Protein backbone atom coordinates (compact mmCIF):
# COMPACT_ATOMS: atom_id res chain seq x y z
CA MET A 1 4.50 -32.79 -6.27
CA SER A 2 2.35 -30.85 -8.73
CA ILE A 3 2.07 -27.08 -8.28
CA ASP A 4 -0.59 -25.34 -10.34
CA TYR A 5 -0.80 -21.69 -11.20
CA LYS A 6 -3.92 -19.98 -9.82
CA GLU A 7 -5.32 -16.61 -10.77
CA HIS A 8 -4.29 -13.94 -8.26
CA LEU A 9 -4.35 -10.22 -7.81
CA VAL A 10 -0.76 -9.28 -7.00
CA CYS A 11 1.07 -6.10 -6.09
CA PHE A 12 4.81 -5.52 -6.27
CA ILE A 13 6.07 -2.56 -4.20
CA ASP A 14 9.50 -0.97 -4.23
CA LEU A 15 10.71 1.39 -1.49
CA LEU A 16 12.18 4.59 -2.89
CA GLY A 17 15.14 5.99 -1.00
CA PHE A 18 15.89 2.72 0.77
CA LYS A 19 19.57 2.73 -0.24
CA SER A 20 19.96 6.30 0.99
CA ALA A 21 18.31 5.39 4.31
CA ILE A 22 20.65 2.41 4.70
CA ASP A 23 23.66 4.62 3.98
CA GLN A 24 22.50 7.14 6.60
CA SER A 25 21.81 4.37 9.12
CA ILE A 26 25.50 3.38 9.18
CA GLU A 27 26.30 6.57 11.12
CA ASN A 28 22.87 7.16 12.66
CA ASN A 29 21.57 4.62 15.16
CA GLU A 30 18.15 6.28 15.28
CA ILE A 31 17.59 5.68 11.56
CA GLN A 32 18.90 2.13 11.93
CA LYS A 33 16.42 1.44 14.76
CA ALA A 34 13.54 3.13 12.91
CA LEU A 35 14.19 0.95 9.84
CA TYR A 36 14.31 -2.19 11.95
CA ASP A 37 11.19 -1.36 13.95
CA LEU A 38 9.08 -0.45 10.93
CA ILE A 39 10.07 -3.44 8.80
CA HIS A 40 9.52 -5.68 11.83
CA ASP A 41 6.03 -4.17 12.22
CA LEU A 42 5.33 -4.94 8.57
CA LYS A 43 6.23 -8.62 8.69
CA GLU A 44 3.52 -10.97 7.44
CA LYS A 45 1.59 -11.56 10.65
CA SER A 46 2.04 -8.03 12.05
CA LEU A 47 0.80 -6.43 8.84
CA LYS A 48 -2.11 -8.85 8.56
CA LYS A 49 -3.04 -8.10 12.15
CA ARG A 50 -3.36 -4.42 11.26
CA VAL A 51 -5.41 -5.08 8.12
CA TYR A 52 -7.70 -7.78 9.52
CA GLY A 53 -8.02 -5.83 12.76
CA ASN A 54 -9.79 -2.99 10.94
CA ILE A 55 -12.52 -5.23 9.48
CA PRO A 56 -15.91 -4.09 10.85
CA TYR A 57 -17.30 -6.91 12.98
CA LEU A 58 -20.87 -7.18 14.25
CA TYR A 59 -20.45 -7.83 17.94
CA LEU A 60 -23.57 -9.60 19.17
CA ASP A 61 -24.26 -7.68 22.34
CA PRO A 62 -27.65 -6.18 23.28
CA GLN A 63 -26.91 -3.19 21.02
CA ASN A 64 -25.52 -5.27 18.10
CA THR A 65 -22.43 -3.05 18.21
CA VAL A 66 -20.11 -2.93 15.19
CA LYS A 67 -16.50 -2.98 16.37
CA PRO A 68 -13.11 -3.34 14.65
CA ALA A 69 -12.33 -7.05 14.52
CA GLY A 70 -9.05 -6.43 16.34
CA GLU A 71 -10.95 -5.31 19.43
CA VAL A 72 -13.04 -8.47 19.40
CA PHE A 73 -10.38 -11.10 18.59
CA GLY A 74 -7.17 -9.42 19.76
CA ASP A 75 -4.02 -11.40 18.92
CA ASN A 76 -6.14 -14.15 17.32
CA VAL A 77 -7.56 -11.88 14.61
CA VAL A 78 -5.22 -13.26 11.92
CA GLU A 79 -6.20 -16.86 12.59
CA GLN A 80 -9.86 -15.82 12.67
CA PHE A 81 -9.89 -14.24 9.20
CA SER A 82 -6.95 -15.57 7.17
CA GLU A 83 -8.82 -18.61 5.88
CA SER A 84 -11.90 -16.67 4.80
CA PHE A 85 -9.96 -13.66 3.46
CA PRO A 86 -6.55 -15.00 2.40
CA LEU A 87 -3.64 -12.63 1.83
CA LYS A 88 -0.04 -13.64 1.10
CA ILE A 89 2.74 -11.19 2.00
CA THR A 90 6.45 -11.47 1.22
CA GLN A 91 9.02 -8.82 2.16
CA PHE A 92 12.62 -8.90 1.00
CA SER A 93 15.12 -6.04 1.26
CA ASP A 94 13.37 -2.96 -0.20
CA SER A 95 10.43 -4.80 -1.78
CA PHE A 96 7.02 -6.16 -0.81
CA VAL A 97 4.81 -8.59 -2.71
CA ILE A 98 1.17 -8.94 -1.65
CA SER A 99 -1.30 -11.26 -3.36
CA CYS A 100 -4.74 -12.78 -2.94
CA PRO A 101 -7.03 -15.11 -4.90
CA SER A 102 -8.85 -13.11 -7.57
CA ASN A 103 -12.16 -14.84 -6.79
CA ASN A 104 -12.25 -13.55 -3.20
CA SER A 105 -13.76 -10.05 -3.34
CA ALA A 106 -13.07 -9.25 0.30
CA SER A 107 -9.41 -10.22 -0.05
CA CYS A 108 -9.04 -7.98 -3.11
CA THR A 109 -10.32 -5.02 -1.09
CA LEU A 110 -8.06 -5.92 1.83
CA LEU A 111 -5.10 -6.02 -0.55
CA LEU A 112 -5.73 -2.36 -1.40
CA GLU A 113 -6.02 -1.47 2.28
CA CYS A 114 -2.80 -3.34 2.99
CA ILE A 115 -0.89 -1.31 0.38
CA TYR A 116 -2.35 1.96 1.67
CA THR A 117 -1.25 1.01 5.18
CA ILE A 118 2.32 0.30 4.05
CA LYS A 119 2.54 3.56 2.10
CA LEU A 120 1.29 5.66 5.03
CA MET A 121 3.55 3.95 7.57
CA PHE A 122 6.71 4.46 5.52
CA PHE A 123 5.69 8.04 4.70
CA TYR A 124 5.06 9.10 8.29
CA ASP A 125 7.54 6.90 10.17
CA LEU A 126 10.54 7.13 7.84
CA GLY A 127 9.75 9.84 5.29
CA MET A 128 9.99 7.28 2.48
CA MET A 129 7.92 6.90 -0.67
CA LEU A 130 6.80 3.80 -2.55
CA ARG A 131 6.27 2.84 -6.16
CA GLY A 132 4.40 -0.23 -7.34
CA GLY A 133 2.33 -2.18 -9.82
CA ILE A 134 -0.81 -4.30 -9.47
CA ALA A 135 -1.53 -7.08 -11.97
CA LEU A 136 -4.02 -9.89 -12.41
CA GLY A 137 -2.95 -13.32 -13.60
CA GLN A 138 -1.38 -16.66 -12.88
CA LEU A 139 0.82 -16.90 -9.81
CA VAL A 140 2.39 -19.21 -7.26
CA HIS A 141 2.93 -17.42 -3.94
CA GLU A 142 3.97 -19.14 -0.73
CA GLU A 143 4.93 -17.02 2.28
CA GLY A 144 8.56 -17.79 2.98
CA GLY A 145 8.67 -19.98 -0.14
CA ALA A 146 8.06 -19.99 -3.88
CA LEU A 147 7.02 -16.79 -5.61
CA PHE A 148 6.76 -16.75 -9.40
CA GLY A 149 4.42 -16.51 -12.35
CA PRO A 150 3.30 -14.25 -15.22
CA ALA A 151 1.33 -12.03 -12.86
CA MET A 152 4.47 -11.36 -10.78
CA ASN A 153 6.38 -10.47 -13.94
CA GLU A 154 3.66 -8.04 -15.01
CA ALA A 155 3.41 -6.39 -11.58
CA TYR A 156 7.19 -5.88 -11.54
CA SER A 157 7.10 -4.47 -15.07
CA LEU A 158 4.34 -2.01 -14.16
CA GLU A 159 6.41 -0.79 -11.22
CA SER A 160 9.75 -0.58 -13.00
CA LYS A 161 8.63 0.75 -16.39
CA LEU A 162 5.37 2.64 -15.96
CA ALA A 163 5.01 3.85 -12.37
CA ILE A 164 8.04 6.22 -12.65
CA TYR A 165 6.71 8.45 -9.84
CA PRO A 166 5.78 7.48 -6.24
CA ARG A 167 2.52 5.86 -7.27
CA VAL A 168 1.06 2.41 -7.88
CA VAL A 169 -0.04 1.60 -11.44
CA ILE A 170 -2.91 -0.84 -11.90
CA SER A 171 -3.28 -2.95 -15.06
CA ASP A 172 -6.58 -2.66 -16.94
CA ASN A 173 -7.84 -6.14 -16.06
CA ALA A 174 -6.79 -5.72 -12.41
CA TYR A 175 -8.69 -2.43 -12.24
CA ASN A 176 -11.77 -4.01 -13.80
CA LEU A 177 -11.64 -6.72 -11.14
CA LEU A 178 -11.21 -4.22 -8.31
CA SER A 179 -13.99 -1.95 -9.55
CA LYS A 180 -16.38 -4.92 -9.33
CA SER A 181 -15.09 -6.66 -6.21
CA SER A 182 -14.74 -3.42 -4.21
CA GLU A 183 -17.71 -1.52 -5.67
CA GLY A 184 -18.91 1.09 -3.20
CA HIS A 185 -15.99 0.55 -0.82
CA PRO A 186 -14.06 3.67 0.32
CA ALA A 187 -10.76 2.07 -0.71
CA LEU A 188 -11.70 2.53 -4.39
CA LYS A 189 -11.90 6.30 -3.97
CA ALA A 190 -8.10 6.53 -3.92
CA ILE A 191 -7.80 5.21 -7.49
CA PHE A 192 -7.86 7.77 -10.31
CA SER A 193 -6.97 8.17 -14.00
CA ALA A 194 -3.52 9.76 -14.22
CA PHE A 195 -2.30 12.27 -16.80
CA ASP A 196 -0.73 9.44 -18.83
CA GLY A 197 -3.92 7.36 -18.96
CA HIS A 198 -3.05 4.77 -16.33
CA LYS A 199 -5.23 3.86 -13.37
CA VAL A 200 -3.16 4.70 -10.30
CA PHE A 201 -3.19 5.72 -6.66
CA ASP A 202 -0.61 7.64 -4.67
CA LEU A 203 -0.17 9.16 -1.22
CA VAL A 204 -2.19 12.25 -2.08
CA SER A 205 -5.18 10.25 -3.28
CA ILE A 206 -4.93 8.04 -0.17
CA PHE A 207 -5.07 11.22 1.96
CA ASP A 208 -8.52 11.84 0.44
CA CYS A 209 -9.67 8.28 1.17
CA PRO A 210 -12.19 8.25 4.05
CA LEU A 211 -10.62 5.12 5.57
CA TRP A 212 -8.05 7.17 7.51
CA THR A 213 -7.70 10.48 9.27
CA VAL A 214 -4.51 12.01 7.92
CA GLU A 215 -2.81 14.94 9.62
CA GLY A 216 0.36 16.88 8.92
CA ALA A 217 0.73 15.58 5.35
CA GLY A 218 1.87 18.91 3.92
CA GLN A 219 4.54 19.37 6.59
CA GLN A 220 5.81 15.82 6.07
CA LEU A 221 6.04 16.33 2.30
CA LYS A 222 8.11 19.47 2.88
CA ALA A 223 10.33 17.65 5.37
CA ILE A 224 10.97 14.89 2.83
CA GLU A 225 11.74 17.52 0.21
CA GLN A 226 14.41 19.07 2.45
CA ASP A 227 15.92 15.66 3.22
CA ILE A 228 16.13 14.82 -0.49
CA LEU A 229 17.72 18.17 -1.31
CA GLN A 230 20.37 17.51 1.35
CA ASN A 231 21.05 13.82 0.76
CA SER A 232 19.76 12.67 -2.64
CA LYS A 233 19.13 15.45 -5.16
CA ASP A 234 18.71 12.96 -8.01
CA ALA A 235 15.48 11.79 -6.37
CA TYR A 236 13.93 15.27 -6.40
CA PRO A 237 11.52 14.60 -9.33
CA LYS A 238 9.82 11.96 -7.19
CA ILE A 239 8.94 14.29 -4.32
CA ALA A 240 8.21 17.09 -6.83
CA TYR A 241 5.46 14.88 -8.29
CA LEU A 242 3.79 14.51 -4.88
CA LEU A 243 4.24 18.18 -3.99
CA ASP A 244 2.58 19.20 -7.24
CA ARG A 245 -0.29 16.78 -6.63
CA TRP A 246 -0.66 18.10 -3.07
CA GLU A 247 -0.71 21.74 -4.21
CA GLN A 248 -3.34 20.97 -6.86
CA LYS A 249 -5.50 19.27 -4.23
CA GLN A 250 -5.20 22.29 -1.93
CA LYS A 251 -6.25 24.60 -4.76
CA GLU A 252 -9.26 22.41 -5.51
CA ALA A 253 -10.24 22.37 -1.84
CA ASN A 254 -9.97 26.17 -1.63
CA LEU A 255 -12.14 26.58 -4.72
CA GLN A 256 -14.81 24.34 -3.20
CA VAL A 257 -14.82 26.48 -0.05
CA LEU A 258 -15.23 29.65 -2.11
CA GLN A 259 -18.12 28.13 -4.04
């Protein structure tokens, strides 16, 4: 059997604080259940159902109503859209890999939305942060099967060597692809040029993205800070990065109100 590399957009995500959460779950059944429930909700089909379910769908009624696809197709929404907008998702231990064909613009946009969804769910449900890398290149990705290629290596390298903080770093060619394929889409608004020159997005920039209504972010950041101070002080620079970003955003918002 011949298996050929194909060009994909691919993201590698690592959960920060996963080991600490596992350690706490040994003595705390609530944490154990919360971990199980959330990871179960983020399995391939469940996660795709969330992402595909938010696609605006023109429902041909007398008013030509636009509804979320999930309302129209229900449990069949994955089967309805997976062929037209393919996404591959693999989860193992504290890592996620999400990929899509680079020549499918809609899938590239959905990949961003998928990552944002994962970040927000872990942040609000478990108080956990994520770090990742997005690359463009040759890849073999089978759900529940083979996963390898230069693009996977690059995405892992971006996460492990350049992300450093709870953010996702995007390679130059991957960003160029996204800026074209997702031009004008709200998902692009979360991506910005970081202080070190990389194109990135993080929780704070996702909070500003008009795709979601986000509430209680400041309180959750403070709650995570307290948990880290109590259980994992070495991880403090990671939450400090987000707290600083959050405070800067609040200052900017206050200045805009004054103007």
